[in-house]
Amino acid sequence: MLIIFATKNSVFLQVDCIYVLNIMNKHITLSISDSIAVKQQILNDAGFIARIQEAVDLIVASLRAGGKIHFCGNGGSAADAQHLAAELSGRFAYDRPPLNAEALHCNTSYLTAVGNDYGYDAVFARLIQGTAKKSDVLVGISTSGNSKNILKAYETAREMNVKIISLTGTTGGKMKDLSDILLNVPSTDTPRIQECHILIGHIICQLVESEMFLH
């Protein structure tokens, strides 16, 4: 319902609040339903569940061998990368020694210097080249699977025999063929993919923590 009030100087539009709230509620419930539906697809996919366990095993093997877990992403995926690295290097569910994990984008002086001198596509690759070793794992997070700076980092990682875990959207993009383990969320909707990425990441961190410290 739309009611128009006119005065000498202006026109006021009053929208029926109940109508607006109903529309908003529909959008909210649809977003929640869509998110649940994507997660349900993952829950019903035995192969996907098995790949999550493979990712846990790979990270645990790396850490036990003295390796480091590197995370990278752009935008919201950078936030996820930093978040998950902190779950390992800080703590997830209980007090325990730190685990060697770091997000590659956290040094802004480095990012701006290398981005300025070599181009943004090089920012992750140069850190991998300078800090990674054979026993390490690189975790790349990208909803499209086509982030150029992650792909370049993957190329460097493969040259160094660093293992690669990818969290992507449904197709896996170009990251698919460079990954040792692909966790491709069955969706093309960026928010729904990102919601699943953090769910998967939390599961991995919880299981890694449990296996490393037998909790």
C-alpha atoms as a PDB file:
ATOM      1  CA  MET A   1       0.000   0.000   0.000  1.00  0.00           C
ATOM      2  CA  LEU A   2       1.383   3.420  -0.961  1.00  0.00           C
ATOM      3  CA  ILE A   3      -0.072   6.629   0.478  1.00  0.00           C
ATOM      4  CA  ILE A   4       1.061  10.047  -0.837  1.00  0.00           C
ATOM      5  CA  PHE A   5       0.895  13.161   1.330  1.00  0.00           C
ATOM      6  CA  ALA A   6       1.385  16.508  -0.463  1.00  0.00           C
ATOM      7  CA  THR A   7       2.261  19.801   1.197  1.00  0.00           C
ATOM      8  CA  LYS A   8       3.135  23.212  -0.154  1.00  0.00           C
ATOM      9  CA  ASN A   9       6.866  22.448  -0.247  1.00  0.00           C
ATOM     10  CA  SER A  10       7.261  18.708  -0.536  1.00  0.00           C
ATOM     11  CA  VAL A  11       5.687  15.359  -1.161  1.00  0.00           C
ATOM     12  CA  PHE A  12       5.901  12.673   1.465  1.00  0.00           C
ATOM     13  CA  LEU A  13       5.605   9.025   0.605  1.00  0.00           C
ATOM     14  CA  GLN A  14       4.457   6.695   3.302  1.00  0.00           C
ATOM     15  CA  VAL A  15       4.859   3.015   2.594  1.00  0.00           C
ATOM     16  CA  ASP A  16       2.826   0.504   4.490  1.00  0.00           C
ATOM     17  CA  CYS A  17       5.299  -0.815   7.078  1.00  0.00           C
ATOM     18  CA  ILE A  18       3.684  -4.238   7.256  1.00  0.00           C
ATOM     19  CA  TYR A  19       4.078  -4.667   3.486  1.00  0.00           C
ATOM     20  CA  VAL A  20       7.762  -3.690   3.643  1.00  0.00           C
ATOM     21  CA  LEU A  21       8.427  -6.011   6.585  1.00  0.00           C
ATOM     22  CA  ASN A  22       6.794  -8.898   4.728  1.00  0.00           C
ATOM     23  CA  ILE A  23       9.044  -8.313   1.724  1.00  0.00           C
ATOM     24  CA  MET A  24      12.120  -8.122   3.952  1.00  0.00           C
ATOM     25  CA  ASN A  25      11.159 -11.287   5.798  1.00  0.00           C
ATOM     26  CA  LYS A  26      10.784 -13.128   2.499  1.00  0.00           C
ATOM     27  CA  HIS A  27      14.279 -12.050   1.456  1.00  0.00           C
ATOM     28  CA  ILE A  28      15.708 -13.095   4.825  1.00  0.00           C
ATOM     29  CA  THR A  29      14.063 -16.504   4.852  1.00  0.00           C
ATOM     30  CA  LEU A  30      15.001 -17.109   1.204  1.00  0.00           C
ATOM     31  CA  SER A  31      18.668 -16.318   1.913  1.00  0.00           C
ATOM     32  CA  ILE A  32      18.688 -18.669   4.891  1.00  0.00           C
ATOM     33  CA  SER A  33      16.937 -21.398   2.906  1.00  0.00           C
ATOM     34  CA  ASP A  34      19.373 -21.026   0.013  1.00  0.00           C
ATOM     35  CA  SER A  35      22.325 -21.250   2.388  1.00  0.00           C
ATOM     36  CA  ILE A  36      20.935 -24.389   4.013  1.00  0.00           C
ATOM     37  CA  ALA A  37      20.282 -25.951   0.594  1.00  0.00           C
ATOM     38  CA  VAL A  38      23.915 -25.555  -0.481  1.00  0.00           C
ATOM     39  CA  LYS A  39      25.157 -26.979   2.810  1.00  0.00           C
ATOM     40  CA  GLN A  40      22.713 -29.872   2.435  1.00  0.00           C
ATOM     41  CA  GLN A  41      24.215 -30.679  -0.955  1.00  0.00           C
ATOM     42  CA  ILE A  42      27.649 -30.865   0.648  1.00  0.00           C
ATOM     43  CA  LEU A  43      26.280 -32.987   3.501  1.00  0.00           C
ATOM     44  CA  ASN A  44      24.822 -35.451   0.994  1.00  0.00           C
ATOM     45  CA  ASP A  45      28.036 -35.654  -1.066  1.00  0.00           C
ATOM     46  CA  ALA A  46      30.195 -38.461   0.342  1.00  0.00           C
ATOM     47  CA  GLY A  47      33.021 -37.544  -2.011  1.00  0.00           C
ATOM     48  CA  PHE A  48      33.057 -33.961  -0.754  1.00  0.00           C
ATOM     49  CA  ILE A  49      33.111 -35.128   2.872  1.00  0.00           C
ATOM     50  CA  ALA A  50      36.020 -37.434   2.038  1.00  0.00           C
ATOM     51  CA  ARG A  51      37.951 -34.544   0.455  1.00  0.00           C
ATOM     52  CA  ILE A  52      37.518 -32.487   3.623  1.00  0.00           C
ATOM     53  CA  GLN A  53      39.091 -35.342   5.566  1.00  0.00           C
ATOM     54  CA  GLU A  54      41.895 -35.527   2.989  1.00  0.00           C
ATOM     55  CA  ALA A  55      42.541 -31.818   3.529  1.00  0.00           C
ATOM     56  CA  VAL A  56      42.733 -32.381   7.279  1.00  0.00           C
ATOM     57  CA  ASP A  57      45.162 -35.275   6.811  1.00  0.00           C
ATOM     58  CA  LEU A  58      47.356 -33.236   4.471  1.00  0.00           C
ATOM     59  CA  ILE A  59      47.564 -30.300   6.876  1.00  0.00           C
ATOM     60  CA  VAL A  60      48.251 -32.535   9.874  1.00  0.00           C
ATOM     61  CA  ALA A  61      51.026 -34.365   7.993  1.00  0.00           C
ATOM     62  CA  SER A  62      52.569 -31.022   7.027  1.00  0.00           C
ATOM     63  CA  LEU A  63      52.500 -29.650  10.572  1.00  0.00           C
ATOM     64  CA  ARG A  64      53.931 -32.859  12.024  1.00  0.00           C
ATOM     65  CA  ALA A  65      56.772 -32.618   9.523  1.00  0.00           C
ATOM     66  CA  GLY A  66      57.567 -29.072  10.628  1.00  0.00           C
ATOM     67  CA  GLY A  67      55.670 -27.445   7.769  1.00  0.00           C
ATOM     68  CA  LYS A  68      53.667 -24.244   7.585  1.00  0.00           C
ATOM     69  CA  ILE A  69      50.126 -23.671   6.355  1.00  0.00           C
ATOM     70  CA  HIS A  70      49.839 -20.630   4.076  1.00  0.00           C
ATOM     71  CA  PHE A  71      46.435 -19.094   3.331  1.00  0.00           C
ATOM     72  CA  CYS A  72      45.559 -16.651   0.559  1.00  0.00           C
ATOM     73  CA  GLY A  73      42.478 -14.942  -0.830  1.00  0.00           C
ATOM     74  CA  ASN A  74      41.167 -11.587  -2.016  1.00  0.00           C
ATOM     75  CA  GLY A  75      38.464  -9.376  -0.506  1.00  0.00           C
ATOM     76  CA  GLY A  76      36.055 -11.457   1.571  1.00  0.00           C
ATOM     77  CA  SER A  77      38.200 -14.497   0.873  1.00  0.00           C
ATOM     78  CA  ALA A  78      41.204 -12.625   2.310  1.00  0.00           C
ATOM     79  CA  ALA A  79      39.181 -12.162   5.486  1.00  0.00           C
ATOM     80  CA  ASP A  80      38.442 -15.896   5.492  1.00  0.00           C
ATOM     81  CA  ALA A  81      42.134 -16.680   4.911  1.00  0.00           C
ATOM     82  CA  GLN A  82      43.176 -14.513   7.839  1.00  0.00           C
ATOM     83  CA  HIS A  83      40.377 -15.909  10.011  1.00  0.00           C
ATOM     84  CA  LEU A  84      41.331 -19.545   9.391  1.00  0.00           C
ATOM     85  CA  ALA A  85      45.050 -18.927   9.816  1.00  0.00           C
ATOM     86  CA  ALA A  86      44.266 -17.384  13.197  1.00  0.00           C
ATOM     87  CA  GLU A  87      42.222 -20.427  14.219  1.00  0.00           C
ATOM     88  CA  LEU A  88      45.379 -22.523  13.789  1.00  0.00           C
ATOM     89  CA  SER A  89      48.076 -20.133  14.993  1.00  0.00           C
ATOM     90  CA  GLY A  90      45.927 -18.940  17.888  1.00  0.00           C
ATOM     91  CA  ARG A  91      43.412 -21.507  19.050  1.00  0.00           C
ATOM     92  CA  PHE A  92      40.116 -22.969  17.913  1.00  0.00           C
ATOM     93  CA  ALA A  93      38.283 -24.834  20.686  1.00  0.00           C
ATOM     94  CA  TYR A  94      40.750 -25.101  23.582  1.00  0.00           C
ATOM     95  CA  ASP A  95      44.116 -23.970  24.899  1.00  0.00           C
ATOM     96  CA  ARG A  96      47.089 -25.635  23.232  1.00  0.00           C
ATOM     97  CA  PRO A  97      50.435 -24.723  21.603  1.00  0.00           C
ATOM     98  CA  PRO A  98      50.233 -22.587  18.433  1.00  0.00           C
ATOM     99  CA  LEU A  99      50.302 -24.127  14.980  1.00  0.00           C
ATOM    100  CA  ASN A 100      52.378 -22.631  12.168  1.00  0.00           C
ATOM    101  CA  ALA A 101      49.864 -20.879   9.906  1.00  0.00           C
ATOM    102  CA  GLU A 102      49.679 -17.444   8.324  1.00  0.00           C
ATOM    103  CA  ALA A 103      47.660 -15.497   5.751  1.00  0.00           C
ATOM    104  CA  LEU A 104      49.808 -14.058   2.962  1.00  0.00           C
ATOM    105  CA  HIS A 105      48.159 -10.630   2.755  1.00  0.00           C
ATOM    106  CA  CYS A 106      48.664  -9.319   6.290  1.00  0.00           C
ATOM    107  CA  ASN A 107      51.810  -7.223   5.724  1.00  0.00           C
ATOM    108  CA  THR A 108      50.468  -4.090   4.043  1.00  0.00           C
ATOM    109  CA  SER A 109      53.931  -2.626   3.452  1.00  0.00           C
ATOM    110  CA  TYR A 110      54.881  -5.763   1.561  1.00  0.00           C
ATOM    111  CA  LEU A 111      51.605  -5.811  -0.399  1.00  0.00           C
ATOM    112  CA  THR A 112      51.886  -2.199  -1.512  1.00  0.00           C
ATOM    113  CA  ALA A 113      55.586  -2.454  -2.345  1.00  0.00           C
ATOM    114  CA  VAL A 114      55.326  -5.638  -4.395  1.00  0.00           C
ATOM    115  CA  GLY A 115      52.026  -4.553  -5.925  1.00  0.00           C
ATOM    116  CA  ASN A 116      53.642  -1.292  -6.985  1.00  0.00           C
ATOM    117  CA  ASP A 117      56.940  -2.759  -8.209  1.00  0.00           C
ATOM    118  CA  TYR A 118      55.889  -6.122  -9.661  1.00  0.00           C
ATOM    119  CA  GLY A 119      52.118  -5.936 -10.009  1.00  0.00           C
ATOM    120  CA  TYR A 120      49.324  -7.239  -7.794  1.00  0.00           C
ATOM    121  CA  ASP A 121      49.392 -10.634  -9.506  1.00  0.00           C
ATOM    122  CA  ALA A 122      52.798 -11.294  -7.897  1.00  0.00           C
ATOM    123  CA  VAL A 123      52.000 -10.519  -4.271  1.00  0.00           C
ATOM    124  CA  PHE A 124      51.274 -14.078  -3.110  1.00  0.00           C
ATOM    125  CA  ALA A 125      53.744 -15.863  -5.377  1.00  0.00           C
ATOM    126  CA  ARG A 126      56.749 -13.907  -4.072  1.00  0.00           C
ATOM    127  CA  LEU A 127      55.857 -14.703  -0.466  1.00  0.00           C
ATOM    128  CA  ILE A 128      55.533 -18.386  -1.300  1.00  0.00           C
ATOM    129  CA  GLN A 129      58.862 -18.260  -3.099  1.00  0.00           C
ATOM    130  CA  GLY A 130      60.501 -16.574  -0.124  1.00  0.00           C
ATOM    131  CA  THR A 131      58.922 -18.368   2.824  1.00  0.00           C
ATOM    132  CA  ALA A 132      57.549 -21.764   1.762  1.00  0.00           C
ATOM    133  CA  LYS A 133      59.258 -25.133   1.652  1.00  0.00           C
ATOM    134  CA  LYS A 134      58.498 -28.615   0.380  1.00  0.00           C
ATOM    135  CA  SER A 135      56.594 -29.809   3.465  1.00  0.00           C
ATOM    136  CA  ASP A 136      54.222 -26.817   3.466  1.00  0.00           C
ATOM    137  CA  VAL A 137      50.598 -26.495   2.342  1.00  0.00           C
ATOM    138  CA  LEU A 138      49.041 -23.557   0.496  1.00  0.00           C
ATOM    139  CA  VAL A 139      45.301 -23.018   0.962  1.00  0.00           C
ATOM    140  CA  GLY A 140      43.751 -20.795  -1.708  1.00  0.00           C
ATOM    141  CA  ILE A 141      40.270 -19.348  -1.273  1.00  0.00           C
ATOM    142  CA  SER A 142      38.380 -17.932  -4.257  1.00  0.00           C
ATOM    143  CA  THR A 143      34.681 -18.050  -5.100  1.00  0.00           C
ATOM    144  CA  SER A 144      35.447 -17.956  -8.847  1.00  0.00           C
ATOM    145  CA  GLY A 145      38.574 -20.084  -8.770  1.00  0.00           C
ATOM    146  CA  ASN A 146      40.173 -17.656 -11.214  1.00  0.00           C
ATOM    147  CA  SER A 147      42.024 -15.122  -9.050  1.00  0.00           C
ATOM    148  CA  LYS A 148      45.206 -14.305 -10.952  1.00  0.00           C
ATOM    149  CA  ASN A 149      47.407 -13.720  -7.921  1.00  0.00           C
ATOM    150  CA  ILE A 150      46.349 -17.060  -6.435  1.00  0.00           C
ATOM    151  CA  LEU A 151      46.988 -18.868  -9.721  1.00  0.00           C
ATOM    152  CA  LYS A 152      50.470 -17.373  -9.886  1.00  0.00           C
ATOM    153  CA  ALA A 153      51.108 -18.453  -6.299  1.00  0.00           C
ATOM    154  CA  TYR A 154      49.929 -21.960  -7.234  1.00  0.00           C
ATOM    155  CA  GLU A 155      52.398 -22.117 -10.103  1.00  0.00           C
ATOM    156  CA  THR A 156      55.218 -21.171  -7.737  1.00  0.00           C
ATOM    157  CA  ALA A 157      53.996 -23.629  -5.109  1.00  0.00           C
ATOM    158  CA  ARG A 158      53.935 -26.497  -7.585  1.00  0.00           C
ATOM    159  CA  GLU A 159      57.496 -25.703  -8.662  1.00  0.00           C
ATOM    160  CA  MET A 160      58.498 -25.969  -4.992  1.00  0.00           C
ATOM    161  CA  ASN A 161      56.469 -29.165  -4.334  1.00  0.00           C
ATOM    162  CA  VAL A 162      54.190 -27.321  -1.917  1.00  0.00           C
ATOM    163  CA  LYS A 163      50.799 -29.042  -1.689  1.00  0.00           C
ATOM    164  CA  ILE A 164      47.678 -27.064  -2.609  1.00  0.00           C
ATOM    165  CA  ILE A 165      44.152 -27.097  -1.168  1.00  0.00           C
ATOM    166  CA  SER A 166      41.521 -24.979  -2.941  1.00  0.00           C
ATOM    167  CA  LEU A 167      38.191 -23.688  -1.670  1.00  0.00           C
ATOM    168  CA  THR A 168      36.169 -22.449  -4.652  1.00  0.00           C
ATOM    169  CA  GLY A 169      32.720 -22.292  -6.206  1.00  0.00           C
ATOM    170  CA  THR A 170      31.122 -25.056  -8.195  1.00  0.00           C
ATOM    171  CA  THR A 171      33.404 -25.178 -11.262  1.00  0.00           C
ATOM    172  CA  GLY A 172      36.710 -24.758  -9.455  1.00  0.00           C
ATOM    173  CA  GLY A 173      37.791 -22.341 -12.184  1.00  0.00           C
ATOM    174  CA  LYS A 174      41.417 -22.402 -13.291  1.00  0.00           C
ATOM    175  CA  MET A 175      42.508 -23.307  -9.758  1.00  0.00           C
ATOM    176  CA  LYS A 176      40.954 -26.750 -10.206  1.00  0.00           C
ATOM    177  CA  ASP A 177      43.738 -28.155 -12.387  1.00  0.00           C
ATOM    178  CA  LEU A 178      46.484 -26.837 -10.094  1.00  0.00           C
ATOM    179  CA  SER A 179      45.025 -28.244  -6.867  1.00  0.00           C
ATOM    180  CA  ASP A 180      45.916 -31.381  -4.955  1.00  0.00           C
ATOM    181  CA  ILE A 181      42.568 -31.197  -3.129  1.00  0.00           C
ATOM    182  CA  LEU A 182      39.587 -29.266  -4.498  1.00  0.00           C
ATOM    183  CA  LEU A 183      36.720 -28.278  -2.215  1.00  0.00           C
ATOM    184  CA  ASN A 184      34.363 -26.738  -4.764  1.00  0.00           C
ATOM    185  CA  VAL A 185      31.145 -25.579  -3.145  1.00  0.00           C
ATOM    186  CA  PRO A 186      28.153 -26.487  -5.357  1.00  0.00           C
ATOM    187  CA  SER A 187      26.944 -22.946  -5.975  1.00  0.00           C
ATOM    188  CA  THR A 188      27.565 -19.941  -8.211  1.00  0.00           C
ATOM    189  CA  ASP A 189      26.188 -17.452  -5.661  1.00  0.00           C
ATOM    190  CA  THR A 190      29.128 -15.651  -4.004  1.00  0.00           C
ATOM    191  CA  PRO A 191      27.562 -15.138  -0.537  1.00  0.00           C
ATOM    192  CA  ARG A 192      26.414 -18.751  -0.329  1.00  0.00           C
ATOM    193  CA  ILE A 193      29.879 -19.966  -1.419  1.00  0.00           C
ATOM    194  CA  GLN A 194      31.608 -17.819   1.191  1.00  0.00           C
ATOM    195  CA  GLU A 195      29.274 -19.077   3.918  1.00  0.00           C
ATOM    196  CA  CYS A 196      30.245 -22.640   3.037  1.00  0.00           C
ATOM    197  CA  HIS A 197      33.938 -21.765   2.858  1.00  0.00           C
ATOM    198  CA  ILE A 198      33.976 -20.626   6.468  1.00  0.00           C
ATOM    199  CA  LEU A 199      31.975 -23.703   7.518  1.00  0.00           C
ATOM    200  CA  ILE A 200      34.441 -26.013   5.757  1.00  0.00           C
ATOM    201  CA  GLY A 201      37.380 -24.044   7.127  1.00  0.00           C
ATOM    202  CA  HIS A 202      36.079 -24.307  10.672  1.00  0.00           C
ATOM    203  CA  ILE A 203      35.591 -28.057  10.321  1.00  0.00           C
ATOM    204  CA  ILE A 204      39.151 -28.434   9.028  1.00  0.00           C
ATOM    205  CA  CYS A 205      40.608 -26.312  11.840  1.00  0.00           C
ATOM    206  CA  GLN A 206      38.664 -28.190  14.499  1.00  0.00           C
ATOM    207  CA  LEU A 207      39.771 -31.591  13.217  1.00  0.00           C
ATOM    208  CA  VAL A 208      43.385 -30.499  12.713  1.00  0.00           C
ATOM    209  CA  GLU A 209      43.483 -29.207  16.275  1.00  0.00           C
ATOM    210  CA  SER A 210      41.966 -32.438  17.607  1.00  0.00           C
ATOM    211  CA  GLU A 211      44.387 -34.669  15.689  1.00  0.00           C
ATOM    212  CA  MET A 212      47.474 -32.613  16.492  1.00  0.00           C
ATOM    213  CA  PHE A 213      46.774 -32.590  20.222  1.00  0.00           C
ATOM    214  CA  LEU A 214      44.687 -35.785  20.575  1.00  0.00           C
ATOM    215  CA  HIS A 215      41.856 -33.930  22.254  1.00  0.00           C
END
